């Protein structure tokens, strides 16, 4: 069984006085997942607007190649791909 420090227990009881520490930590983790997913989705939307396409179309249409492998486009491709990989299990 895992335990939490008294400090963490105090924080969770302050935030969620009517539920157990276990339940409050679960809520905090869920909220963090939601926050991160929103951040990743926002980044994906930025790339979709910038290139006027979805990631799959970006990849299929070889946009990186068509832009002569420019640093900016390759970097966007890598970042975009990572956002897609990270968000898929969330």
PDB file of N, CA and C in Angstrom:
ATOM      1  N   UNK A   1       0.839  -1.183   0.000  1.00  0.00           N
ATOM      2  CA  UNK A   1       0.000   0.000   0.000  1.00  0.00           C
ATOM      3  C   UNK A   1       0.885   1.247   0.000  1.00  0.00           C
ATOM      4  N   UNK A   2       0.510   2.190  -0.803  1.00  0.00           N
ATOM      5  CA  UNK A   2       1.216   3.460  -0.851  1.00  0.00           C
ATOM      6  C   UNK A   2       0.668   4.403   0.199  1.00  0.00           C
ATOM      7  N   UNK A   3       1.518   5.282   0.670  1.00  0.00           N
ATOM      8  CA  UNK A   3       1.070   6.299   1.609  1.00  0.00           C
ATOM      9  C   UNK A   3       1.435   7.676   1.072  1.00  0.00           C
ATOM     10  N   UNK A   4       0.781   8.670   1.585  1.00  0.00           N
ATOM     11  CA  UNK A   4       1.107  10.043   1.200  1.00  0.00           C
ATOM     12  C   UNK A   4       1.594  10.775   2.441  1.00  0.00           C
ATOM     13  N   UNK A   5       2.373  11.801   2.212  1.00  0.00           N
ATOM     14  CA  UNK A   5       2.894  12.575   3.337  1.00  0.00           C
ATOM     15  C   UNK A   5       1.760  13.334   4.019  1.00  0.00           C
ATOM     16  N   UNK A   6       2.018  13.738   5.245  1.00  0.00           N
ATOM     17  CA  UNK A   6       1.033  14.539   5.975  1.00  0.00           C
ATOM     18  C   UNK A   6       0.744  15.834   5.234  1.00  0.00           C
ATOM     19  N   UNK A   7       1.767  16.401   4.611  1.00  0.00           N
ATOM     20  CA  UNK A   7       1.606  17.654   3.877  1.00  0.00           C
ATOM     21  C   UNK A   7       0.616  17.480   2.718  1.00  0.00           C
ATOM     22  N   UNK A   8       0.781  16.401   1.944  1.00  0.00           N
ATOM     23  CA  UNK A   8      -0.132  16.127   0.824  1.00  0.00           C
ATOM     24  C   UNK A   8      -1.535  15.858   1.362  1.00  0.00           C
ATOM     25  N   UNK A   9      -1.620  15.104   2.443  1.00  0.00           N
ATOM     26  CA  UNK A   9      -2.919  14.828   3.060  1.00  0.00           C
ATOM     27  C   UNK A   9      -3.626  16.102   3.490  1.00  0.00           C
ATOM     28  N   UNK A  10      -2.877  17.032   4.053  1.00  0.00           N
ATOM     29  CA  UNK A  10      -3.445  18.310   4.472  1.00  0.00           C
ATOM     30  C   UNK A  10      -3.945  19.107   3.276  1.00  0.00           C
ATOM     31  N   UNK A  11      -3.141  19.149   2.212  1.00  0.00           N
ATOM     32  CA  UNK A  11      -3.559  19.870   1.000  1.00  0.00           C
ATOM     33  C   UNK A  11      -4.843  19.281   0.419  1.00  0.00           C
ATOM     34  N   UNK A  12      -4.890  17.959   0.316  1.00  0.00           N
ATOM     35  CA  UNK A  12      -6.073  17.344  -0.293  1.00  0.00           C
ATOM     36  C   UNK A  12      -7.309  17.534   0.593  1.00  0.00           C
ATOM     37  N   UNK A  13      -7.123  17.472   1.892  1.00  0.00           N
ATOM     38  CA  UNK A  13      -8.265  17.690   2.795  1.00  0.00           C
ATOM     39  C   UNK A  13      -8.737  19.145   2.744  1.00  0.00           C
ATOM     40  N   UNK A  14      -7.810  20.064   2.489  1.00  0.00           N
ATOM     41  CA  UNK A  14      -8.189  21.476   2.351  1.00  0.00           C
ATOM     42  C   UNK A  14      -8.994  21.680   1.074  1.00  0.00           C
ATOM     43  N   UNK A  15      -8.544  21.048  -0.006  1.00  0.00           N
ATOM     44  CA  UNK A  15      -9.234  21.191  -1.286  1.00  0.00           C
ATOM     45  C   UNK A  15     -10.559  20.434  -1.325  1.00  0.00           C
ATOM     46  N   UNK A  16     -10.564  19.253  -0.723  1.00  0.00           N
ATOM     47  CA  UNK A  16     -11.737  18.371  -0.777  1.00  0.00           C
ATOM     48  C   UNK A  16     -12.047  17.854   0.631  1.00  0.00           C
ATOM     49  N   UNK A  17     -12.615  18.688   1.484  1.00  0.00           N
ATOM     50  CA  UNK A  17     -12.804  18.302   2.887  1.00  0.00           C
ATOM     51  C   UNK A  17     -13.796  17.159   3.113  1.00  0.00           C
ATOM     52  N   UNK A  18     -14.676  16.921   2.163  1.00  0.00           N
ATOM     53  CA  UNK A  18     -15.737  15.928   2.391  1.00  0.00           C
ATOM     54  C   UNK A  18     -15.470  14.563   1.773  1.00  0.00           C
ATOM     55  N   UNK A  19     -14.298  14.373   1.181  1.00  0.00           N
ATOM     56  CA  UNK A  19     -14.003  13.066   0.578  1.00  0.00           C
ATOM     57  C   UNK A  19     -12.644  12.557   1.055  1.00  0.00           C
ATOM     58  N   UNK A  20     -12.403  11.287   0.817  1.00  0.00           N
ATOM     59  CA  UNK A  20     -11.155  10.671   1.279  1.00  0.00           C
ATOM     60  C   UNK A  20      -9.955  11.217   0.505  1.00  0.00           C
ATOM     61  N   UNK A  21      -8.796  11.049   1.089  1.00  0.00           N
ATOM     62  CA  UNK A  21      -7.560  11.470   0.426  1.00  0.00           C
ATOM     63  C   UNK A  21      -7.396  10.723  -0.888  1.00  0.00           C
ATOM     64  N   UNK A  22      -7.719   9.446  -0.890  1.00  0.00           N
ATOM     65  CA  UNK A  22      -7.622   8.642  -2.111  1.00  0.00           C
ATOM     66  C   UNK A  22      -8.504   9.223  -3.218  1.00  0.00           C
ATOM     67  N   UNK A  23      -9.738   9.528  -2.891  1.00  0.00           N
ATOM     68  CA  UNK A  23     -10.660  10.095  -3.879  1.00  0.00           C
ATOM     69  C   UNK A  23     -10.192  11.469  -4.344  1.00  0.00           C
ATOM     70  N   UNK A  24      -9.677  12.289  -3.437  1.00  0.00           N
ATOM     71  CA  UNK A  24      -9.234  13.627  -3.821  1.00  0.00           C
ATOM     72  C   UNK A  24      -8.015  13.561  -4.728  1.00  0.00           C
ATOM     73  N   UNK A  25      -7.105  12.643  -4.466  1.00  0.00           N
ATOM     74  CA  UNK A  25      -5.933  12.480  -5.343  1.00  0.00           C
ATOM     75  C   UNK A  25      -6.383  11.992  -6.717  1.00  0.00           C
ATOM     76  N   UNK A  26      -7.339  11.091  -6.751  1.00  0.00           N
ATOM     77  CA  UNK A  26      -7.893  10.614  -8.022  1.00  0.00           C
ATOM     78  C   UNK A  26      -8.484  11.782  -8.823  1.00  0.00           C
ATOM     79  N   UNK A  27      -9.221  12.651  -8.155  1.00  0.00           N
ATOM     80  CA  UNK A  27      -9.813  13.821  -8.822  1.00  0.00           C
ATOM     81  C   UNK A  27      -8.723  14.732  -9.368  1.00  0.00           C
ATOM     82  N   UNK A  28      -7.688  14.969  -8.567  1.00  0.00           N
ATOM     83  CA  UNK A  28      -6.589  15.838  -9.016  1.00  0.00           C
ATOM     84  C   UNK A  28      -5.879  15.256 -10.235  1.00  0.00           C
ATOM     85  N   UNK A  29      -5.672  13.951 -10.239  1.00  0.00           N
ATOM     86  CA  UNK A  29      -5.025  13.300 -11.387  1.00  0.00           C
ATOM     87  C   UNK A  29      -5.917  13.412 -12.621  1.00  0.00           C
ATOM     88  N   UNK A  30      -7.203  13.158 -12.462  1.00  0.00           N
ATOM     89  CA  UNK A  30      -8.139  13.277 -13.585  1.00  0.00           C
ATOM     90  C   UNK A  30      -8.153  14.700 -14.141  1.00  0.00           C
ATOM     91  N   UNK A  31      -8.146  15.687 -13.263  1.00  0.00           N
ATOM     92  CA  UNK A  31      -8.136  17.087 -13.698  1.00  0.00           C
ATOM     93  C   UNK A  31      -6.845  17.420 -14.446  1.00  0.00           C
ATOM     94  N   UNK A  32      -5.739  16.853 -14.000  1.00  0.00           N
ATOM     95  CA  UNK A  32      -4.468  17.087 -14.690  1.00  0.00           C
ATOM     96  C   UNK A  32      -4.491  16.453 -16.082  1.00  0.00           C
ATOM     97  N   UNK A  33      -5.049  15.255 -16.209  1.00  0.00           N
ATOM     98  CA  UNK A  33      -5.195  14.640 -17.529  1.00  0.00           C
ATOM     99  C   UNK A  33      -6.039  15.513 -18.444  1.00  0.00           C
ATOM    100  N   UNK A  34      -7.133  16.030 -17.924  1.00  0.00           N
ATOM    101  CA  UNK A  34      -8.012  16.892 -18.717  1.00  0.00           C
ATOM    102  C   UNK A  34      -7.267  18.153 -19.146  1.00  0.00           C
ATOM    103  N   UNK A  35      -6.510  18.747 -18.226  1.00  0.00           N
ATOM    104  CA  UNK A  35      -5.749  19.959 -18.537  1.00  0.00           C
ATOM    105  C   UNK A  35      -4.719  19.697 -19.631  1.00  0.00           C
ATOM    106  N   UNK A  36      -3.984  18.598 -19.487  1.00  0.00           N
ATOM    107  CA  UNK A  36      -2.966  18.270 -20.495  1.00  0.00           C
ATOM    108  C   UNK A  36      -3.595  17.974 -21.845  1.00  0.00           C
ATOM    109  N   UNK A  37      -4.699  17.248 -21.840  1.00  0.00           N
ATOM    110  CA  UNK A  37      -5.373  16.931 -23.099  1.00  0.00           C
ATOM    111  C   UNK A  37      -5.819  18.214 -23.797  1.00  0.00           C
ATOM    112  N   UNK A  38      -6.342  19.153 -23.041  1.00  0.00           N
ATOM    113  CA  UNK A  38      -6.766  20.429 -23.625  1.00  0.00           C
ATOM    114  C   UNK A  38      -5.574  21.172 -24.228  1.00  0.00           C
ATOM    115  N   UNK A  39      -4.446  21.131 -23.547  1.00  0.00           N
ATOM    116  CA  UNK A  39      -3.226  21.772 -24.063  1.00  0.00           C
ATOM    117  C   UNK A  39      -2.793  21.123 -25.365  1.00  0.00           C
ATOM    118  N   UNK A  40      -2.774  19.797 -25.407  1.00  0.00           N
ATOM    119  CA  UNK A  40      -2.374  19.079 -26.618  1.00  0.00           C
ATOM    120  C   UNK A  40      -3.350  19.366 -27.761  1.00  0.00           C
ATOM    121  N   UNK A  41      -4.638  19.362 -27.449  1.00  0.00           N
ATOM    122  CA  UNK A  41      -5.643  19.636 -28.486  1.00  0.00           C
ATOM    123  C   UNK A  41      -5.485  21.058 -29.028  1.00  0.00           C
ATOM    124  N   UNK A  42      -5.154  21.984 -28.169  1.00  0.00           N
ATOM    125  CA  UNK A  42      -4.944  23.362 -28.600  1.00  0.00           C
ATOM    126  C   UNK A  42      -3.760  23.442 -29.572  1.00  0.00           C
ATOM    127  N   UNK A  43      -2.672  22.769 -29.229  1.00  0.00           N
ATOM    128  CA  UNK A  43      -1.493  22.761 -30.100  1.00  0.00           C
ATOM    129  C   UNK A  43      -1.832  22.140 -31.447  1.00  0.00           C
ATOM    130  N   UNK A  44      -2.592  21.071 -31.448  1.00  0.00           N
ATOM    131  CA  UNK A  44      -3.006  20.423 -32.698  1.00  0.00           C
ATOM    132  C   UNK A  44      -3.830  21.394 -33.545  1.00  0.00           C
ATOM    133  N   UNK A  45      -4.764  22.104 -32.920  1.00  0.00           N
ATOM    134  CA  UNK A  45      -5.572  23.087 -33.661  1.00  0.00           C
ATOM    135  C   UNK A  45      -4.700  24.191 -34.261  1.00  0.00           C
ATOM    136  N   UNK A  46      -3.678  24.606 -33.544  1.00  0.00           N
ATOM    137  CA  UNK A  46      -2.770  25.631 -34.074  1.00  0.00           C
ATOM    138  C   UNK A  46      -2.104  25.130 -35.353  1.00  0.00           C
ATOM    139  N   UNK A  47      -1.612  23.897 -35.342  1.00  0.00           N
ATOM    140  CA  UNK A  47      -0.972  23.337 -36.538  1.00  0.00           C
ATOM    141  C   UNK A  47      -1.977  23.159 -37.669  1.00  0.00           C
ATOM    142  N   UNK A  48      -3.185  22.713 -37.344  1.00  0.00           N
ATOM    143  CA  UNK A  48      -4.209  22.545 -38.384  1.00  0.00           C
ATOM    144  C   UNK A  48      -4.541  23.876 -39.052  1.00  0.00           C
ATOM    145  N   UNK A  49      -4.607  24.931 -38.262  1.00  0.00           N
ATOM    146  CA  UNK A  49      -4.870  26.263 -38.837  1.00  0.00           C
ATOM    147  C   UNK A  49      -3.679  26.760 -39.653  1.00  0.00           C
ATOM    148  N   UNK A  50      -2.495  26.537 -39.129  1.00  0.00           N
ATOM    149  CA  UNK A  50      -1.286  27.017 -39.801  1.00  0.00           C
ATOM    150  C   UNK A  50      -1.123  26.386 -41.180  1.00  0.00           C
ATOM    151  N   UNK A  51      -1.389  25.072 -41.268  1.00  0.00           N
ATOM    152  CA  UNK A  51      -1.180  24.350 -42.526  1.00  0.00           C
ATOM    153  C   UNK A  51      -2.484  24.058 -43.273  1.00  0.00           C
ATOM    154  N   UNK A  52      -3.599  24.477 -42.710  1.00  0.00           N
ATOM    155  CA  UNK A  52      -4.917  24.290 -43.347  1.00  0.00           C
ATOM    156  C   UNK A  52      -5.172  22.821 -43.711  1.00  0.00           C
ATOM    157  N   UNK A  53      -4.808  21.934 -42.808  1.00  0.00           N
ATOM    158  CA  UNK A  53      -4.981  20.511 -43.071  1.00  0.00           C
ATOM    159  C   UNK A  53      -4.891  19.728 -41.763  1.00  0.00           C
ATOM    160  N   UNK A  54      -5.294  18.476 -41.826  1.00  0.00           N
ATOM    161  CA  UNK A  54      -5.132  17.579 -40.678  1.00  0.00           C
ATOM    162  C   UNK A  54      -3.716  17.004 -40.704  1.00  0.00           C
ATOM    163  N   UNK A  55      -3.330  16.376 -39.607  1.00  0.00           N
ATOM    164  CA  UNK A  55      -1.995  15.782 -39.550  1.00  0.00           C
ATOM    165  C   UNK A  55      -1.831  14.690 -40.607  1.00  0.00           C
ATOM    166  N   UNK A  56      -2.853  13.846 -40.746  1.00  0.00           N
ATOM    167  CA  UNK A  56      -2.763  12.754 -41.728  1.00  0.00           C
ATOM    168  C   UNK A  56      -2.594  13.286 -43.149  1.00  0.00           C
ATOM    169  N   UNK A  57      -3.349  14.324 -43.488  1.00  0.00           N
ATOM    170  CA  UNK A  57      -3.214  14.926 -44.822  1.00  0.00           C
ATOM    171  C   UNK A  57      -1.853  15.604 -44.972  1.00  0.00           C
ATOM    172  N   UNK A  58      -1.398  16.250 -43.918  1.00  0.00           N
ATOM    173  CA  UNK A  58      -0.081  16.892 -43.905  1.00  0.00           C
ATOM    174  C   UNK A  58       0.999  15.857 -44.252  1.00  0.00           C
ATOM    175  N   UNK A  59       0.875  14.712 -43.601  1.00  0.00           N
ATOM    176  CA  UNK A  59       1.836  13.621 -43.807  1.00  0.00           C
ATOM    177  C   UNK A  59       1.691  13.028 -45.218  1.00  0.00           C
ATOM    178  N   UNK A  60       0.470  12.717 -45.625  1.00  0.00           N
ATOM    179  CA  UNK A  60       0.225  12.106 -46.941  1.00  0.00           C
ATOM    180  C   UNK A  60       0.644  13.025 -48.086  1.00  0.00           C
ATOM    181  N   UNK A  61       0.434  14.309 -47.914  1.00  0.00           N
ATOM    182  CA  UNK A  61       0.779  15.267 -48.963  1.00  0.00           C
ATOM    183  C   UNK A  61       2.244  15.694 -48.937  1.00  0.00           C
ATOM    184  N   UNK A  62       3.007  15.077 -48.063  1.00  0.00           N
ATOM    185  CA  UNK A  62       4.454  15.322 -47.952  1.00  0.00           C
ATOM    186  C   UNK A  62       4.779  16.818 -47.878  1.00  0.00           C
ATOM    187  N   UNK A  63       4.109  17.487 -46.977  1.00  0.00           N
ATOM    188  CA  UNK A  63       4.282  18.927 -46.830  1.00  0.00           C
ATOM    189  C   UNK A  63       5.725  19.270 -46.440  1.00  0.00           C
ATOM    190  N   UNK A  64       6.338  18.436 -45.628  1.00  0.00           N
ATOM    191  CA  UNK A  64       7.737  18.696 -45.250  1.00  0.00           C
ATOM    192  C   UNK A  64       8.620  18.692 -46.494  1.00  0.00           C
ATOM    193  N   UNK A  65       8.443  17.693 -47.323  1.00  0.00           N
ATOM    194  CA  UNK A  65       9.229  17.588 -48.560  1.00  0.00           C
ATOM    195  C   UNK A  65       8.942  18.769 -49.480  1.00  0.00           C
ATOM    196  N   UNK A  66       7.653  19.118 -49.618  1.00  0.00           N
ATOM    197  CA  UNK A  66       7.267  20.228 -50.499  1.00  0.00           C
ATOM    198  C   UNK A  66       7.830  21.568 -50.024  1.00  0.00           C
ATOM    199  N   UNK A  67       8.168  21.643 -48.749  1.00  0.00           N
ATOM    200  CA  UNK A  67       8.767  22.861 -48.198  1.00  0.00           C
ATOM    201  C   UNK A  67      10.281  22.719 -48.050  1.00  0.00           C
ATOM    202  N   UNK A  68      10.848  21.836 -48.878  1.00  0.00           N
ATOM    203  CA  UNK A  68      12.303  21.634 -48.923  1.00  0.00           C
ATOM    204  C   UNK A  68      12.922  21.334 -47.561  1.00  0.00           C
ATOM    205  N   UNK A  69      12.185  20.581 -46.765  1.00  0.00           N
ATOM    206  CA  UNK A  69      12.674  20.140 -45.462  1.00  0.00           C
ATOM    207  C   UNK A  69      13.139  21.303 -44.589  1.00  0.00           C
ATOM    208  N   UNK A  70      12.404  22.398 -44.657  1.00  0.00           N
ATOM    209  CA  UNK A  70      12.771  23.554 -43.841  1.00  0.00           C
ATOM    210  C   UNK A  70      12.715  23.179 -42.362  1.00  0.00           C
ATOM    211  N   UNK A  71      13.574  23.817 -41.605  1.00  0.00           N
ATOM    212  CA  UNK A  71      13.644  23.526 -40.175  1.00  0.00           C
ATOM    213  C   UNK A  71      12.287  23.733 -39.514  1.00  0.00           C
ATOM    214  N   UNK A  72      11.620  24.848 -39.812  1.00  0.00           N
ATOM    215  CA  UNK A  72      10.343  25.162 -39.188  1.00  0.00           C
ATOM    216  C   UNK A  72       9.294  24.090 -39.473  1.00  0.00           C
ATOM    217  N   UNK A  73       9.185  23.677 -40.713  1.00  0.00           N
ATOM    218  CA  UNK A  73       8.156  22.698 -41.095  1.00  0.00           C
ATOM    219  C   UNK A  73       8.482  21.329 -40.509  1.00  0.00           C
ATOM    220  N   UNK A  74       9.752  20.943 -40.552  1.00  0.00           N
ATOM    221  CA  UNK A  74      10.127  19.656 -39.945  1.00  0.00           C
ATOM    222  C   UNK A  74       9.886  19.673 -38.443  1.00  0.00           C
ATOM    223  N   UNK A  75      10.230  20.772 -37.828  1.00  0.00           N
ATOM    224  CA  UNK A  75      10.025  20.898 -36.388  1.00  0.00           C
ATOM    225  C   UNK A  75       8.538  20.839 -36.043  1.00  0.00           C
ATOM    226  N   UNK A  76       7.712  21.519 -36.831  1.00  0.00           N
ATOM    227  CA  UNK A  76       6.267  21.456 -36.627  1.00  0.00           C
ATOM    228  C   UNK A  76       5.762  20.027 -36.798  1.00  0.00           C
ATOM    229  N   UNK A  77       6.271  19.339 -37.805  1.00  0.00           N
ATOM    230  CA  UNK A  77       5.870  17.950 -38.046  1.00  0.00           C
ATOM    231  C   UNK A  77       6.161  17.089 -36.817  1.00  0.00           C
ATOM    232  N   UNK A  78       7.358  17.216 -36.291  1.00  0.00           N
ATOM    233  CA  UNK A  78       7.754  16.406 -35.131  1.00  0.00           C
ATOM    234  C   UNK A  78       6.882  16.746 -33.921  1.00  0.00           C
ATOM    235  N   UNK A  79       6.698  18.039 -33.679  1.00  0.00           N
ATOM    236  CA  UNK A  79       5.858  18.453 -32.548  1.00  0.00           C
ATOM    237  C   UNK A  79       4.419  17.971 -32.715  1.00  0.00           C
ATOM    238  N   UNK A  80       3.903  18.122 -33.923  1.00  0.00           N
ATOM    239  CA  UNK A  80       2.524  17.725 -34.217  1.00  0.00           C
ATOM    240  C   UNK A  80       2.353  16.222 -34.018  1.00  0.00           C
ATOM    241  N   UNK A  81       3.315  15.468 -34.517  1.00  0.00           N
ATOM    242  CA  UNK A  81       3.258  14.015 -34.375  1.00  0.00           C
ATOM    243  C   UNK A  81       3.292  13.616 -32.899  1.00  0.00           C
ATOM    244  N   UNK A  82       4.140  14.280 -32.119  1.00  0.00           N
ATOM    245  CA  UNK A  82       4.222  13.969 -30.689  1.00  0.00           C
ATOM    246  C   UNK A  82       2.910  14.285 -29.975  1.00  0.00           C
ATOM    247  N   UNK A  83       2.299  15.394 -30.342  1.00  0.00           N
ATOM    248  CA  UNK A  83       1.011  15.739 -29.729  1.00  0.00           C
ATOM    249  C   UNK A  83      -0.013  14.661 -30.036  1.00  0.00           C
ATOM    250  N   UNK A  84      -0.022  14.160 -31.270  1.00  0.00           N
ATOM    251  CA  UNK A  84      -0.968  13.109 -31.659  1.00  0.00           C
ATOM    252  C   UNK A  84      -0.701  11.823 -30.868  1.00  0.00           C
ATOM    253  N   UNK A  85       0.565  11.481 -30.687  1.00  0.00           N
ATOM    254  CA  UNK A  85       0.918  10.252 -29.963  1.00  0.00           C
ATOM    255  C   UNK A  85       0.542  10.386 -28.496  1.00  0.00           C
ATOM    256  N   UNK A  86       0.831  11.539 -27.925  1.00  0.00           N
ATOM    257  CA  UNK A  86       0.538  11.745 -26.498  1.00  0.00           C
ATOM    258  C   UNK A  86      -0.954  11.760 -26.233  1.00  0.00           C
ATOM    259  N   UNK A  87      -1.704  12.403 -27.082  1.00  0.00           N
ATOM    260  CA  UNK A  87      -3.143  12.569 -26.844  1.00  0.00           C
ATOM    261  C   UNK A  87      -3.936  11.281 -27.092  1.00  0.00           C
ATOM    262  N   UNK A  88      -3.431  10.396 -27.923  1.00  0.00           N
ATOM    263  CA  UNK A  88      -4.209   9.209 -28.267  1.00  0.00           C
ATOM    264  C   UNK A  88      -4.605   8.355 -27.059  1.00  0.00           C
ATOM    265  N   UNK A  89      -3.731   8.122 -26.055  1.00  0.00           N
ATOM    266  CA  UNK A  89      -4.207   7.328 -24.927  1.00  0.00           C
ATOM    267  C   UNK A  89      -5.030   8.112 -23.917  1.00  0.00           C
ATOM    268  N   UNK A  90      -5.035   9.445 -24.012  1.00  0.00           N
ATOM    269  CA  UNK A  90      -5.787  10.246 -23.029  1.00  0.00           C
ATOM    270  C   UNK A  90      -7.206  10.268 -23.402  1.00  0.00           C
TER     271      UNK A  90
END
